[in-house]
Amino acid sequence: MVSPQTAYDVMSMKIKSVLLRIFLYGIYFFCLLMYVLFQGSEYDWMDPSMLASPPGLEPSPDNLSLPIHDESNDRAVFRGLVVTIAVVVQIAICFSLSRKEAIITVILFGVTLLLFR
């Protein structure tokens, strides 16, 4: 017969394992979602003619005819940070969870990076 303390310990370990999976996968999928959502330029929804200055108009601070798009590219920095966090979580998944789960998440990560460059 199994002692109540042993059954409690087994149940506690299962709960911790499930919570760890939920935590790691939650962060992982959130990072992949943010990577996909911040793909492309922030001005993709605009008509390209809106980004360029009207012909014959000199750019100056008075007429505000400077192009909207600047080259700061904050999205690339954010996407790089998201990928870094996803790689750290991927390593945690590889060491904490099963090999099958690690392989599946590596494949999902690779497909996401290939499809949404």
Foldseek 3Di string as FASTA:
>chain_A
DDDPVVVVVVVVVVVVLVVVVCVLVVLLVVLLVLLQVLFDDPCPVDDVVQQAFDPPDDDDPVVNRHGPDDDPPVSVVVNVVSVVSNVVSLVVCCVSHDPVVSVVSVVVVVVSVVVRD
